[in-house]
């Protein structure tokens, strides 16, 4: 399984990018993969081809009407695990003995 965090947004549409970010989140949601959106991006979990396909679909949707698109991503692959989006946070919470702010 892969946990992939990414941010994708146009660089040529001014300072208010919410409509473009929402477009990407709709694509992520429609994928059926587990995900969490936060202030600086979205984390999705699935097989490598699945998560990369989601990023590709987001890029294709954004590049239709944007002349310059930036995408930042990183991923963590573990052959032996799934449920890592919440599992990584739960691991830290166990060590702290409390919940972290979400």
C-alpha atoms as a PDB file:
ATOM      1  CA  UNK A   1       0.000   0.000   0.000  1.00  0.00           C
ATOM      2  CA  UNK A   2       0.984   3.572  -0.640  1.00  0.00           C
ATOM      3  CA  UNK A   3       0.113   6.626   1.408  1.00  0.00           C
ATOM      4  CA  UNK A   4       0.544   9.630  -0.871  1.00  0.00           C
ATOM      5  CA  UNK A   5       0.312  13.254   0.198  1.00  0.00           C
ATOM      6  CA  UNK A   6      -0.095  15.824  -2.529  1.00  0.00           C
ATOM      7  CA  UNK A   7      -1.048  19.403  -3.258  1.00  0.00           C
ATOM      8  CA  UNK A   8      -2.027  20.521  -6.740  1.00  0.00           C
ATOM      9  CA  UNK A   9      -2.976  24.032  -7.759  1.00  0.00           C
ATOM     10  CA  UNK A  10      -2.653  26.467 -10.647  1.00  0.00           C
ATOM     11  CA  UNK A  11      -0.052  29.214 -10.591  1.00  0.00           C
ATOM     12  CA  UNK A  12      -1.845  31.421 -13.112  1.00  0.00           C
ATOM     13  CA  UNK A  13      -5.248  31.981 -11.484  1.00  0.00           C
ATOM     14  CA  UNK A  14      -4.595  34.594  -8.792  1.00  0.00           C
ATOM     15  CA  UNK A  15      -4.569  34.209  -5.037  1.00  0.00           C
ATOM     16  CA  UNK A  16      -7.928  32.508  -4.394  1.00  0.00           C
ATOM     17  CA  UNK A  17      -7.473  28.890  -5.485  1.00  0.00           C
ATOM     18  CA  UNK A  18     -10.311  27.238  -3.555  1.00  0.00           C
ATOM     19  CA  UNK A  19     -12.378  26.368  -6.646  1.00  0.00           C
ATOM     20  CA  UNK A  20      -9.411  24.540  -8.191  1.00  0.00           C
ATOM     21  CA  UNK A  21      -8.538  22.713  -4.986  1.00  0.00           C
ATOM     22  CA  UNK A  22     -12.189  21.685  -4.628  1.00  0.00           C
ATOM     23  CA  UNK A  23     -12.073  20.281  -8.166  1.00  0.00           C
ATOM     24  CA  UNK A  24      -9.147  18.050  -7.177  1.00  0.00           C
ATOM     25  CA  UNK A  25     -10.817  16.945  -3.937  1.00  0.00           C
ATOM     26  CA  UNK A  26     -13.915  15.914  -5.915  1.00  0.00           C
ATOM     27  CA  UNK A  27     -11.712  13.655  -8.042  1.00  0.00           C
ATOM     28  CA  UNK A  28     -10.093  12.157  -4.947  1.00  0.00           C
ATOM     29  CA  UNK A  29     -13.498  11.562  -3.351  1.00  0.00           C
ATOM     30  CA  UNK A  30     -14.873   9.922  -6.508  1.00  0.00           C
ATOM     31  CA  UNK A  31     -11.905   7.520  -6.560  1.00  0.00           C
ATOM     32  CA  UNK A  32     -13.302   5.599  -3.592  1.00  0.00           C
ATOM     33  CA  UNK A  33      -9.878   5.525  -1.930  1.00  0.00           C
ATOM     34  CA  UNK A  34      -9.421   6.398   1.727  1.00  0.00           C
ATOM     35  CA  UNK A  35      -8.293  10.011   2.063  1.00  0.00           C
ATOM     36  CA  UNK A  36      -7.987  13.006   4.357  1.00  0.00           C
ATOM     37  CA  UNK A  37      -7.836  16.608   3.215  1.00  0.00           C
ATOM     38  CA  UNK A  38      -6.032  19.121   5.403  1.00  0.00           C
ATOM     39  CA  UNK A  39      -4.986  22.773   5.186  1.00  0.00           C
ATOM     40  CA  UNK A  40      -1.996  22.145   2.925  1.00  0.00           C
ATOM     41  CA  UNK A  41      -2.975  19.128   0.847  1.00  0.00           C
ATOM     42  CA  UNK A  42      -4.629  15.733   0.694  1.00  0.00           C
ATOM     43  CA  UNK A  43      -3.445  12.298   1.798  1.00  0.00           C
ATOM     44  CA  UNK A  44      -4.743   9.248  -0.092  1.00  0.00           C
ATOM     45  CA  UNK A  45      -4.111   5.544   0.414  1.00  0.00           C
ATOM     46  CA  UNK A  46      -4.205   2.713  -2.102  1.00  0.00           C
ATOM     47  CA  UNK A  47      -2.105   0.697  -4.453  1.00  0.00           C
ATOM     48  CA  UNK A  48       0.609   2.609  -6.324  1.00  0.00           C
ATOM     49  CA  UNK A  49      -1.228   2.660  -9.657  1.00  0.00           C
ATOM     50  CA  UNK A  50      -4.452   3.788  -7.963  1.00  0.00           C
ATOM     51  CA  UNK A  51      -2.988   6.770  -6.121  1.00  0.00           C
ATOM     52  CA  UNK A  52      -0.871   7.840  -9.087  1.00  0.00           C
ATOM     53  CA  UNK A  53      -3.965   7.570 -11.292  1.00  0.00           C
ATOM     54  CA  UNK A  54      -5.829   9.933  -8.976  1.00  0.00           C
ATOM     55  CA  UNK A  55      -3.013  12.474  -9.186  1.00  0.00           C
ATOM     56  CA  UNK A  56      -2.988  12.116 -12.969  1.00  0.00           C
ATOM     57  CA  UNK A  57      -6.748  12.720 -13.175  1.00  0.00           C
ATOM     58  CA  UNK A  58      -6.384  15.801 -10.954  1.00  0.00           C
ATOM     59  CA  UNK A  59      -3.632  17.125 -13.204  1.00  0.00           C
ATOM     60  CA  UNK A  60      -5.638  16.480 -16.367  1.00  0.00           C
ATOM     61  CA  UNK A  61      -8.691  18.258 -14.935  1.00  0.00           C
ATOM     62  CA  UNK A  62      -6.630  21.240 -13.789  1.00  0.00           C
ATOM     63  CA  UNK A  63      -4.572  21.576 -16.964  1.00  0.00           C
ATOM     64  CA  UNK A  64      -7.703  21.867 -19.110  1.00  0.00           C
ATOM     65  CA  UNK A  65      -8.099  25.526 -18.173  1.00  0.00           C
ATOM     66  CA  UNK A  66      -4.860  26.349 -16.351  1.00  0.00           C
ATOM     67  CA  UNK A  67      -1.673  27.201 -18.205  1.00  0.00           C
ATOM     68  CA  UNK A  68       0.619  26.545 -15.245  1.00  0.00           C
ATOM     69  CA  UNK A  69       0.019  23.848 -12.606  1.00  0.00           C
ATOM     70  CA  UNK A  70       2.196  22.946  -9.649  1.00  0.00           C
ATOM     71  CA  UNK A  71       1.987  19.568  -7.932  1.00  0.00           C
ATOM     72  CA  UNK A  72       3.952  18.612  -4.861  1.00  0.00           C
ATOM     73  CA  UNK A  73       3.784  15.008  -3.692  1.00  0.00           C
ATOM     74  CA  UNK A  74       5.512  12.439  -1.559  1.00  0.00           C
ATOM     75  CA  UNK A  75       4.605   8.887  -0.730  1.00  0.00           C
ATOM     76  CA  UNK A  76       5.344   6.087   1.695  1.00  0.00           C
ATOM     77  CA  UNK A  77       5.148   2.501   0.416  1.00  0.00           C
ATOM     78  CA  UNK A  78       4.786  -0.465   2.766  1.00  0.00           C
ATOM     79  CA  UNK A  79       4.182  -3.904   1.381  1.00  0.00           C
ATOM     80  CA  UNK A  80       2.898  -5.271   4.690  1.00  0.00           C
ATOM     81  CA  UNK A  81       0.473  -2.527   5.806  1.00  0.00           C
ATOM     82  CA  UNK A  82      -2.763  -0.803   5.025  1.00  0.00           C
ATOM     83  CA  UNK A  83      -4.823   1.692   7.002  1.00  0.00           C
ATOM     84  CA  UNK A  84      -1.732   3.853   7.351  1.00  0.00           C
ATOM     85  CA  UNK A  85      -3.504   7.219   7.125  1.00  0.00           C
ATOM     86  CA  UNK A  86      -5.004   6.771  10.561  1.00  0.00           C
ATOM     87  CA  UNK A  87      -2.512   4.176  11.779  1.00  0.00           C
ATOM     88  CA  UNK A  88       0.464   6.529  11.643  1.00  0.00           C
ATOM     89  CA  UNK A  89      -1.373   9.117  13.738  1.00  0.00           C
ATOM     90  CA  UNK A  90      -2.637   6.458  16.162  1.00  0.00           C
ATOM     91  CA  UNK A  91       0.931   5.253  16.684  1.00  0.00           C
ATOM     92  CA  UNK A  92       2.052   8.728  17.709  1.00  0.00           C
ATOM     93  CA  UNK A  93      -0.995   9.148  19.945  1.00  0.00           C
ATOM     94  CA  UNK A  94      -0.213   5.880  21.753  1.00  0.00           C
ATOM     95  CA  UNK A  95       3.311   7.088  22.425  1.00  0.00           C
ATOM     96  CA  UNK A  96       2.015  10.439  23.681  1.00  0.00           C
ATOM     97  CA  UNK A  97      -0.750   8.873  25.725  1.00  0.00           C
ATOM     98  CA  UNK A  98      -3.256  11.338  24.290  1.00  0.00           C
ATOM     99  CA  UNK A  99      -4.915  12.448  21.058  1.00  0.00           C
ATOM    100  CA  UNK A 100      -3.221  15.012  18.876  1.00  0.00           C
ATOM    101  CA  UNK A 101      -5.015  18.083  17.634  1.00  0.00           C
ATOM    102  CA  UNK A 102      -6.810  17.518  14.316  1.00  0.00           C
END
